[in-house]
Amino acid sequence: MTLRLHNTLTRQKEAFVPLDPANVRMYVCGPTVYDRIHIGNARPFVVFDVLFRLLRRQYGAEHVKYARNITDIDDKINNRAKERGIDIAALTVDTTRTFHEDVAALGCLPPTFEPRATGTIAEMQEMIAALIAKGYAYEAQGHVLFHVPAMMERPPLPKHVYGLLSKKNRDDLVAGARIDVAPYKRDPADFVLWKPSTPDLPGWESPWGTPPGRGRPGWHIECSAMSRKHLGETFDIHAGGLDLIFPHHENEIAQSECCNGKPMARYWMHNGFIERGGEKMAKSVGNIDRVRDLLDEFPGEALRLMLLKTHYRSPLEFTKEGLKEAKAQLDHYYRALARVPGVQPSDGAVPISAIGHLEDDLNTPAAITSLHHSAGLALQENNPEILQGAKGSLVAIGGLLGLLNSSPDAWFRWSPKTAASIDEAKITSLIDARLAARKAKNFKEADRIRDELARQGVILEDGPKGTTWRRAG
């Protein structure tokens, strides 16, 4: 089956045909590092990590390049550092570190490239200078702005006018964007490529201003420069959240294509919002749950599974009950894995049905159904050969989804941060005492020990290879 992806540019599912099968390239907009990510922020990183895994499987890991940027220069960062009374660089370093911790806990693979905006200033200035030279940008009061009417009058490519991605006309876009109509703008839709910096803000020397002085980039030019530097002027897939279609991705297309004279990306993919009570989860609304806080209550794989149980383009209603269900589902899978020791991911082939679901625009809910089927088979079958195949399939599907990365033993011993600690040595001692009681046919004592452990939140499971234990819940 051919990989088919929904392209926001055409509003259709299209067969994915890379520019170069030996060099498949994808860019996903990363975090602005002024605060820890919440579960809504995390959705694109998890969803497009699955796409990264699928592309690596189909084209070979060495032939897939994935860039995910770090925005470490932004007014939100400047304002947050001022609020906290700390150095801007210290804030971005610390927040980048915690971002890495959070996405690693969610099972995301590291990207091939992770450029930082502050490390790409020269490339941004080069693009801005080219846009000015081509008549698509202008300088005004120390600012450099992209002139949207210039693109409308002289599209860099046939039919590639402003609004191509969002499918709205320029006036509608201006009305819905809450754009700051500064007096130095030639047109209300014009957006900032470069702006002056005061001495207390980060800045870099530039040729713009009277006299020329320190300045910093606008948000949109950052991703255009970082993607061009690492993936080229045209690459295969550009992805991010639905809220980035306008203005961020629309403006990226405008400045990149006017600068380069080539399409920026061939496929544009956008995930839907996470909602709470029917309202989009957002810091500005105050209805967020930070990933770090959720990880105190649930394993990272439970968060990941919850995010993948709904198709990435659909809205996802977030609840703690949904996370509890995901945790219980993973308990089921890990009990299946525990039945046959020694099966590694390479031992199991991904069933054709699961591959087909993922190739159909990343239909992760359907792929999870295949995962559930393999788990059920592994739990019900006693034929060693069928058991081995079922477990191998379970591990292989899990690998594509970024799940089942732990051992059953470690999984069942995980506990919430708030849970009372359990003395593992004491548990082992009680299990041994119970075994001795059973051998002596003192079943009343054996049951008493089981009940005592159950009151401590420890569940015993007897099997042909002995007794194992796990935490309840």
Protein backbone atom coordinates (compact mmCIF):
# COMPACT_ATOMS: atom_id res chain seq x y z
CA MET A 1 0.00 0.00 0.00
CA THR A 2 1.17 3.55 -0.75
CA LEU A 3 1.61 6.08 2.02
CA ARG A 4 -1.12 8.69 1.72
CA LEU A 5 -1.09 11.94 3.70
CA HIS A 6 -3.65 14.71 4.06
CA ASN A 7 -2.11 17.80 2.51
CA THR A 8 -3.44 21.02 4.03
CA LEU A 9 -2.33 22.82 0.88
CA THR A 10 -4.83 20.89 -1.29
CA ARG A 11 -7.24 19.77 1.47
CA GLN A 12 -6.94 16.22 0.09
CA LYS A 13 -5.23 12.94 0.87
CA GLU A 14 -2.38 12.48 -1.57
CA ALA A 15 0.08 9.71 -2.30
CA PHE A 16 3.39 10.61 -0.71
CA VAL A 17 6.12 10.79 -3.34
CA PRO A 18 9.37 12.19 -1.91
CA LEU A 19 11.56 14.52 -3.94
CA ASP A 20 14.42 12.09 -3.39
CA PRO A 21 13.76 8.65 -1.82
CA ALA A 22 17.37 8.63 -0.63
CA ASN A 23 16.88 11.94 1.19
CA VAL A 24 13.37 12.26 2.63
CA ARG A 25 13.03 15.50 4.59
CA MET A 26 10.53 16.67 7.22
CA TYR A 27 10.34 19.84 9.34
CA VAL A 28 8.17 20.21 12.45
CA CYS A 29 7.84 23.52 14.27
CA GLY A 30 9.34 23.12 17.75
CA PRO A 31 8.76 24.91 21.04
CA THR A 32 9.28 28.51 22.04
CA VAL A 33 11.30 27.86 25.17
CA TYR A 34 9.80 30.17 27.79
CA ASP A 35 7.80 27.56 29.75
CA ARG A 36 7.33 23.81 30.08
CA ILE A 37 5.12 22.25 27.42
CA HIS A 38 1.55 21.22 28.18
CA ILE A 39 -0.21 18.18 26.78
CA GLY A 40 -1.66 20.25 23.92
CA ASN A 41 1.83 21.38 22.90
CA ALA A 42 2.98 17.75 23.03
CA ARG A 43 0.52 16.41 20.47
CA PRO A 44 2.44 17.37 17.29
CA PHE A 45 5.72 16.06 18.70
CA VAL A 46 4.15 12.64 19.38
CA VAL A 47 2.08 12.46 16.18
CA PHE A 48 4.90 13.42 13.84
CA ASP A 49 7.31 11.19 15.73
CA VAL A 50 5.11 8.31 14.50
CA LEU A 51 5.44 9.67 10.95
CA PHE A 52 9.22 9.88 11.42
CA ARG A 53 9.27 6.22 12.51
CA LEU A 54 7.10 5.18 9.57
CA LEU A 55 9.27 7.04 7.04
CA ARG A 56 12.42 5.47 8.54
CA ARG A 57 10.87 2.04 8.17
CA GLN A 58 9.89 2.64 4.54
CA TYR A 59 12.95 4.47 3.25
CA GLY A 60 15.66 3.42 5.73
CA ALA A 61 16.74 5.39 8.79
CA GLU A 62 19.81 6.74 7.00
CA HIS A 63 17.63 8.23 4.24
CA VAL A 64 15.24 10.28 6.42
CA LYS A 65 16.10 13.71 7.83
CA TYR A 66 13.88 15.26 10.49
CA ALA A 67 14.41 18.85 11.67
CA ARG A 68 12.59 20.20 14.75
CA ASN A 69 13.66 23.66 15.81
CA ILE A 70 14.08 25.44 19.14
CA THR A 71 12.79 29.02 19.15
CA ASP A 72 15.08 30.66 21.72
CA ILE A 73 14.59 34.31 20.72
CA ASP A 74 11.08 35.69 21.12
CA ASP A 75 9.23 38.42 23.00
CA LYS A 76 7.47 35.78 25.15
CA ILE A 77 10.89 34.63 26.33
CA ASN A 78 12.02 38.19 27.03
CA ASN A 79 8.87 38.92 29.02
CA ARG A 80 9.04 35.70 31.04
CA ALA A 81 12.70 36.27 31.96
CA LYS A 82 11.81 39.78 33.12
CA GLU A 83 8.90 38.46 35.20
CA ARG A 84 11.14 35.94 36.91
CA GLY A 85 14.07 38.31 37.25
CA ILE A 86 16.51 35.94 35.53
CA ASP A 87 18.84 36.09 32.56
CA ILE A 88 17.21 35.39 29.19
CA ALA A 89 19.89 32.87 28.18
CA ALA A 90 19.53 31.05 31.51
CA LEU A 91 15.76 30.76 30.93
CA THR A 92 16.13 29.33 27.42
CA VAL A 93 18.83 26.84 28.45
CA ASP A 94 16.76 25.55 31.38
CA THR A 95 13.50 25.40 29.43
CA THR A 96 15.18 23.60 26.51
CA ARG A 97 16.50 21.02 28.96
CA THR A 98 13.06 20.42 30.46
CA PHE A 99 11.55 20.20 26.95
CA HIS A 100 14.01 17.43 26.12
CA GLU A 101 13.09 15.62 29.34
CA ASP A 102 9.38 15.83 28.60
CA VAL A 103 9.47 14.64 24.97
CA ALA A 104 11.87 11.82 25.91
CA ALA A 105 9.40 10.69 28.57
CA LEU A 106 6.73 10.65 25.84
CA GLY A 107 8.89 8.28 23.77
CA CYS A 108 9.85 10.71 21.01
CA LEU A 109 12.99 9.96 19.03
CA PRO A 110 15.56 12.76 18.81
CA PRO A 111 15.31 14.64 15.51
CA THR A 112 18.15 14.51 13.00
CA PHE A 113 18.62 18.26 13.36
CA GLU A 114 17.55 20.56 16.19
CA PRO A 115 18.56 24.05 15.10
CA ARG A 116 18.21 27.00 17.43
CA ALA A 117 17.04 30.35 16.19
CA THR A 118 19.96 32.14 17.86
CA GLY A 119 22.34 29.92 15.89
CA THR A 120 20.80 30.84 12.53
CA ILE A 121 20.88 34.65 12.61
CA ALA A 122 23.30 34.99 9.66
CA GLU A 123 21.02 32.84 7.49
CA MET A 124 17.98 34.93 8.49
CA GLN A 125 19.78 38.15 7.60
CA GLU A 126 20.78 36.66 4.25
CA MET A 127 17.15 35.83 3.42
CA ILE A 128 15.93 39.25 4.55
CA ALA A 129 18.52 41.00 2.37
CA ALA A 130 17.43 38.88 -0.62
CA LEU A 131 13.76 39.78 -0.04
CA ILE A 132 14.61 43.49 0.06
CA ALA A 133 16.66 43.18 -3.14
CA LYS A 134 13.79 41.43 -4.91
CA GLY A 135 11.25 44.06 -3.86
CA TYR A 136 9.29 41.85 -1.48
CA ALA A 137 10.44 43.58 1.71
CA TYR A 138 11.26 47.10 2.82
CA GLU A 139 12.90 48.92 5.70
CA ALA A 140 10.96 51.38 7.87
CA GLN A 141 12.02 52.98 11.17
CA GLY A 142 14.61 50.31 11.89
CA HIS A 143 12.20 47.49 11.04
CA VAL A 144 12.21 45.30 7.95
CA LEU A 145 8.77 44.16 6.84
CA PHE A 146 7.51 41.71 4.26
CA HIS A 147 5.20 43.55 1.84
CA VAL A 148 2.21 41.27 1.21
CA PRO A 149 0.81 43.27 -1.76
CA ALA A 150 4.13 42.76 -3.59
CA MET A 151 3.59 39.00 -3.45
CA MET A 152 -0.01 39.40 -4.58
CA GLU A 153 1.09 41.49 -7.55
CA ARG A 154 4.15 39.40 -8.44
CA PRO A 155 3.64 35.80 -7.26
CA PRO A 156 7.00 34.01 -7.12
CA LEU A 157 5.34 30.91 -8.58
CA PRO A 158 2.18 30.49 -10.67
CA LYS A 159 -0.91 30.80 -8.45
CA HIS A 160 1.25 30.95 -5.30
CA VAL A 161 -0.34 34.04 -3.76
CA TYR A 162 -0.72 35.02 -0.13
CA GLY A 163 -3.46 32.92 1.46
CA LEU A 164 -2.70 29.79 -0.57
CA LEU A 165 -2.42 27.60 2.56
CA SER A 166 -5.24 29.05 4.67
CA LYS A 167 -7.58 29.42 1.69
CA LYS A 168 -8.63 32.91 2.79
CA ASN A 169 -8.33 36.19 0.95
CA ARG A 170 -5.93 38.83 2.21
CA ASP A 171 -8.61 41.07 3.74
CA ASP A 172 -10.12 38.18 5.72
CA LEU A 173 -6.67 37.22 6.95
CA VAL A 174 -5.93 40.76 8.10
CA ALA A 175 -9.29 41.01 9.87
CA GLY A 176 -8.79 37.74 11.73
CA ALA A 177 -5.16 38.14 12.66
CA ARG A 178 -5.31 40.99 15.20
CA ILE A 179 -2.26 42.42 13.42
CA ASP A 180 -0.60 45.44 14.97
CA VAL A 181 -1.11 48.15 12.36
CA ALA A 182 1.99 50.24 13.07
CA PRO A 183 2.28 53.64 11.35
CA TYR A 184 5.42 52.57 9.47
CA LYS A 185 3.63 49.70 7.67
CA ARG A 186 2.80 50.25 4.02
CA ASP A 187 -0.05 47.76 4.30
CA PRO A 188 -1.89 46.34 7.37
CA ALA A 189 -1.01 42.76 6.30
CA ASP A 190 2.74 43.40 6.20
CA PHE A 191 4.65 41.43 8.84
CA VAL A 192 7.96 41.91 10.59
CA LEU A 193 11.13 40.20 9.42
CA TRP A 194 13.52 42.20 11.62
CA LYS A 195 13.06 44.71 14.43
CA PRO A 196 15.34 46.93 16.51
CA SER A 197 16.52 45.85 19.96
CA THR A 198 16.98 48.04 23.00
CA PRO A 199 20.16 47.51 25.09
CA ASP A 200 18.34 45.26 27.59
CA LEU A 201 17.16 42.83 24.89
CA PRO A 202 19.01 40.25 22.78
CA GLY A 203 20.28 41.71 19.53
CA TRP A 204 22.66 41.28 16.63
CA GLU A 205 24.36 43.84 14.44
CA SER A 206 22.52 44.42 11.18
CA PRO A 207 22.60 46.78 8.19
CA TRP A 208 19.11 48.07 8.99
CA GLY A 209 18.21 51.16 10.97
CA THR A 210 19.35 54.79 10.89
CA PRO A 211 22.11 54.50 11.82
CA PRO A 212 22.42 50.71 11.40
CA GLY A 213 22.29 48.99 14.78
CA ARG A 214 21.32 46.01 16.85
CA GLY A 215 18.16 44.09 16.11
CA ARG A 216 16.47 40.71 16.33
CA PRO A 217 14.38 38.57 13.98
CA GLY A 218 10.63 38.26 13.70
CA TRP A 219 9.16 34.85 14.47
CA HIS A 220 8.30 33.68 10.95
CA ILE A 221 11.69 34.22 9.32
CA GLU A 222 13.29 31.94 11.92
CA CYS A 223 11.69 28.73 10.65
CA SER A 224 12.22 29.70 7.01
CA ALA A 225 15.94 30.11 7.61
CA MET A 226 16.35 27.03 9.81
CA SER A 227 14.50 24.72 7.43
CA ARG A 228 16.40 26.06 4.39
CA LYS A 229 19.75 25.61 6.15
CA HIS A 230 19.16 21.98 7.14
CA LEU A 231 16.68 20.62 4.58
CA GLY A 232 17.13 22.82 1.52
CA GLU A 233 15.00 25.39 -0.30
CA THR A 234 12.34 22.75 -1.07
CA PHE A 235 11.67 19.74 1.14
CA ASP A 236 8.99 17.10 1.50
CA ILE A 237 6.87 17.66 4.62
CA HIS A 238 6.25 20.66 6.86
CA ALA A 239 4.12 19.95 9.93
CA GLY A 240 2.75 21.50 13.09
CA GLY A 241 -0.42 22.33 14.96
CA LEU A 242 -3.59 23.60 13.32
CA ASP A 243 -3.09 27.01 14.93
CA LEU A 244 0.10 27.52 12.89
CA ILE A 245 -1.62 27.55 9.49
CA PHE A 246 -2.11 31.30 9.86
CA PRO A 247 -0.16 33.41 10.31
CA HIS A 248 3.01 31.37 10.89
CA HIS A 249 2.98 28.85 8.05
CA GLU A 250 1.30 31.24 5.63
CA ASN A 251 4.06 33.76 6.28
CA GLU A 252 6.77 31.11 6.03
CA ILE A 253 5.52 30.20 2.56
CA ALA A 254 5.41 33.85 1.51
CA GLN A 255 8.94 34.77 2.56
CA SER A 256 10.56 31.45 1.59
CA GLU A 257 9.05 31.22 -1.86
CA CYS A 258 9.63 34.90 -2.65
CA CYS A 259 13.24 34.53 -1.54
CA ASN A 260 14.00 31.19 -3.20
CA GLY A 261 11.65 31.20 -6.20
CA LYS A 262 10.71 27.59 -5.36
CA PRO A 263 7.95 25.83 -3.41
CA MET A 264 8.88 25.60 0.25
CA ALA A 265 7.34 22.21 1.07
CA ARG A 266 5.27 19.78 -0.95
CA TYR A 267 3.08 18.41 1.84
CA TRP A 268 1.73 20.46 4.73
CA MET A 269 0.32 18.53 7.70
CA HIS A 270 -1.51 19.89 10.74
CA ASN A 271 -2.81 18.18 13.88
CA GLY A 272 -6.04 19.17 15.57
CA PHE A 273 -6.38 20.85 18.95
CA ILE A 274 -6.57 19.22 22.34
CA GLU A 275 -9.64 20.50 24.11
CA ARG A 276 -10.89 20.61 27.67
CA GLY A 277 -14.61 20.99 28.15
CA GLY A 278 -14.97 21.71 24.43
CA GLU A 279 -12.51 24.62 24.57
CA LYS A 280 -9.02 24.62 23.06
CA MET A 281 -6.32 23.97 25.65
CA ALA A 282 -4.14 27.08 25.88
CA LYS A 283 -2.03 28.94 28.42
CA SER A 284 -4.03 32.10 27.68
CA VAL A 285 -7.26 30.32 28.66
CA GLY A 286 -5.71 28.78 31.77
CA ASN A 287 -7.00 25.24 31.13
CA ILE A 288 -3.67 23.50 30.57
CA ASP A 289 -2.05 20.44 32.10
CA ARG A 290 1.74 20.49 31.86
CA VAL A 291 3.37 17.27 30.73
CA ARG A 292 5.71 17.33 33.74
CA ASP A 293 2.76 17.42 36.16
CA LEU A 294 0.97 14.60 34.34
CA LEU A 295 4.14 12.49 34.46
CA ASP A 296 3.94 12.62 38.25
CA GLU A 297 0.61 10.77 37.99
CA PHE A 298 0.93 8.60 34.85
CA PRO A 299 3.70 6.87 32.89
CA GLY A 300 4.84 8.69 29.75
CA GLU A 301 3.57 5.82 27.58
CA ALA A 302 0.05 6.37 28.93
CA LEU A 303 0.19 10.00 27.80
CA ARG A 304 1.50 8.91 24.40
CA LEU A 305 -1.16 6.23 23.91
CA MET A 306 -3.90 8.68 24.89
CA LEU A 307 -2.64 11.13 22.24
CA LEU A 308 -2.60 8.41 19.56
CA LYS A 309 -6.03 6.93 20.28
CA THR A 310 -7.67 9.81 18.38
CA HIS A 311 -6.80 10.52 14.74
CA TYR A 312 -4.29 13.36 14.61
CA ARG A 313 -6.49 15.69 12.51
CA SER A 314 -9.47 15.41 14.86
CA PRO A 315 -9.94 17.37 18.08
CA LEU A 316 -9.10 15.40 21.22
CA GLU A 317 -10.99 15.95 24.45
CA PHE A 318 -8.52 15.63 27.32
CA THR A 319 -9.54 14.06 30.64
CA LYS A 320 -7.73 12.29 33.45
CA GLU A 321 -10.18 9.41 32.94
CA GLY A 322 -8.84 9.07 29.40
CA LEU A 323 -5.33 8.73 30.81
CA LYS A 324 -6.47 6.10 33.30
CA GLU A 325 -8.01 4.12 30.42
CA ALA A 326 -4.76 4.38 28.44
CA LYS A 327 -2.80 3.13 31.47
CA ALA A 328 -5.16 0.16 31.87
CA GLN A 329 -4.84 -0.61 28.17
CA LEU A 330 -1.06 -0.65 28.46
CA ASP A 331 -1.32 -2.92 31.51
CA HIS A 332 -3.16 -5.35 29.21
CA TYR A 333 -0.40 -5.17 26.59
CA TYR A 334 2.38 -5.64 29.12
CA ARG A 335 0.62 -8.67 30.63
CA ALA A 336 0.64 -10.12 27.12
CA LEU A 337 4.35 -9.36 26.74
CA ALA A 338 5.08 -11.09 30.05
CA ARG A 339 3.79 -14.42 28.73
CA VAL A 340 6.75 -15.07 26.42
CA PRO A 341 10.22 -13.91 27.50
CA GLY A 342 13.03 -13.07 25.14
CA VAL A 343 11.16 -11.74 22.10
CA GLN A 344 12.87 -8.62 20.73
CA PRO A 345 11.41 -6.03 18.31
CA SER A 346 13.42 -7.48 15.42
CA ASP A 347 11.80 -10.88 15.96
CA GLY A 348 8.34 -9.71 14.97
CA ALA A 349 7.14 -8.33 11.65
CA VAL A 350 4.57 -5.56 11.71
CA PRO A 351 1.29 -7.04 10.44
CA ILE A 352 0.24 -5.78 7.01
CA SER A 353 -3.01 -4.51 8.52
CA ALA A 354 -1.17 -2.24 10.98
CA ILE A 355 1.11 -0.89 8.26
CA GLY A 356 -1.91 -0.25 6.07
CA HIS A 357 -3.61 1.75 8.81
CA LEU A 358 -0.55 3.95 9.36
CA GLU A 359 -0.09 4.43 5.62
CA ASP A 360 -3.65 5.74 5.49
CA ASP A 361 -2.83 9.24 6.77
CA LEU A 362 -1.43 7.99 10.09
CA ASN A 363 -4.56 6.22 11.25
CA THR A 364 -3.12 5.46 14.68
CA PRO A 365 -6.49 4.51 16.27
CA ALA A 366 -6.84 1.66 13.75
CA ALA A 367 -3.19 0.63 14.26
CA ILE A 368 -3.88 0.46 18.01
CA THR A 369 -6.75 -1.95 17.22
CA SER A 370 -4.15 -4.22 15.57
CA LEU A 371 -2.01 -3.86 18.70
CA HIS A 372 -5.00 -4.89 20.84
CA HIS A 373 -5.65 -7.92 18.62
CA SER A 374 -2.06 -9.14 18.95
CA ALA A 375 -2.19 -8.67 22.74
CA GLY A 376 -5.42 -10.66 22.96
CA LEU A 377 -3.91 -13.46 20.92
CA ALA A 378 -0.79 -13.54 23.10
CA LEU A 379 -2.92 -13.78 26.25
CA GLN A 380 -5.30 -16.46 24.98
CA GLU A 381 -3.05 -18.79 23.00
CA ASN A 382 -1.04 -21.66 24.45
CA ASN A 383 0.59 -22.86 21.24
CA PRO A 384 4.24 -21.72 21.65
CA GLU A 385 4.68 -20.87 17.97
CA ILE A 386 1.50 -18.78 17.78
CA LEU A 387 2.38 -17.16 21.10
CA GLN A 388 5.81 -16.23 19.82
CA GLY A 389 4.39 -14.73 16.62
CA ALA A 390 1.67 -12.80 18.45
CA LYS A 391 4.13 -11.33 20.89
CA GLY A 392 6.57 -10.50 18.09
CA SER A 393 3.80 -8.63 16.26
CA LEU A 394 2.83 -6.84 19.46
CA VAL A 395 6.37 -5.60 20.01
CA ALA A 396 6.79 -4.62 16.34
CA ILE A 397 3.56 -2.60 16.19
CA GLY A 398 4.46 -0.99 19.49
CA GLY A 399 7.84 -0.02 18.08
CA LEU A 400 6.22 1.82 15.16
CA LEU A 401 3.88 3.63 17.53
CA GLY A 402 6.65 4.36 20.02
CA LEU A 403 5.02 2.17 22.69
CA LEU A 404 6.01 -0.86 24.79
CA ASN A 405 9.54 0.38 25.37
CA SER A 406 9.74 -0.98 28.92
CA SER A 407 10.02 -4.49 30.30
CA PRO A 408 6.83 -5.88 31.89
CA ASP A 409 8.64 -6.11 35.22
CA ALA A 410 9.66 -2.43 35.15
CA TRP A 411 6.25 -1.33 33.85
CA PHE A 412 4.30 -2.94 36.66
CA ARG A 413 6.64 -1.56 39.30
CA TRP A 414 6.17 2.03 38.18
CA SER A 415 4.25 4.16 40.64
CA PRO A 416 2.93 7.72 40.74
CA LYS A 417 5.15 10.24 42.44
CA THR A 418 2.56 10.66 45.18
CA ALA A 419 2.26 6.92 45.86
CA ALA A 420 3.64 5.49 49.08
CA SER A 421 6.97 3.78 48.59
CA ILE A 422 7.05 -0.01 48.54
CA ASP A 423 9.85 -1.99 50.11
CA GLU A 424 10.78 -4.41 47.32
CA ALA A 425 12.97 -6.52 49.61
CA LYS A 426 10.03 -6.97 51.97
CA ILE A 427 7.77 -7.94 49.06
CA THR A 428 10.27 -10.58 47.94
CA SER A 429 10.47 -11.91 51.49
CA LEU A 430 6.66 -12.15 51.74
CA ILE A 431 6.43 -13.89 48.36
CA ASP A 432 8.99 -16.44 49.55
CA ALA A 433 7.03 -16.92 52.80
CA ARG A 434 3.82 -17.42 50.81
CA LEU A 435 5.52 -19.99 48.59
CA ALA A 436 6.73 -21.87 51.67
CA ALA A 437 3.21 -21.81 53.14
CA ARG A 438 1.74 -23.21 49.94
CA LYS A 439 4.31 -26.01 49.85
CA ALA A 440 3.34 -26.83 53.44
CA LYS A 441 -0.33 -26.76 52.30
CA ASN A 442 -0.97 -23.92 54.74
CA PHE A 443 -3.29 -22.15 52.32
CA LYS A 444 -4.82 -19.96 55.01
CA GLU A 445 -1.39 -18.38 55.66
CA ALA A 446 -0.69 -18.11 51.93
CA ASP A 447 -4.00 -16.23 51.44
CA ARG A 448 -3.24 -13.99 54.42
CA ILE A 449 0.09 -12.94 52.84
CA ARG A 450 -1.60 -12.28 49.50
CA ASP A 451 -4.23 -10.12 51.23
CA GLU A 452 -1.56 -8.25 53.19
CA LEU A 453 0.28 -7.41 49.99
CA ALA A 454 -2.97 -6.38 48.28
CA ARG A 455 -3.62 -3.87 51.09
CA GLN A 456 -0.18 -2.38 50.28
CA GLY A 457 -1.16 -2.01 46.63
CA VAL A 458 0.75 -5.09 45.43
CA ILE A 459 -0.91 -7.64 43.15
CA LEU A 460 0.58 -11.15 42.88
CA GLU A 461 0.37 -13.17 39.70
CA ASP A 462 1.17 -16.88 39.76
CA GLY A 463 2.48 -18.47 36.58
CA PRO A 464 4.40 -21.52 35.37
CA LYS A 465 7.67 -19.68 35.94
CA GLY A 466 6.79 -18.60 39.47
CA THR A 467 5.13 -15.63 41.15
CA THR A 468 5.54 -12.07 39.93
CA TRP A 469 4.14 -8.87 41.41
CA ARG A 470 2.90 -5.53 40.17
CA ARG A 471 1.43 -2.42 41.63
CA ALA A 472 -2.34 -2.13 41.65
CA GLY A 473 -3.92 0.43 39.33
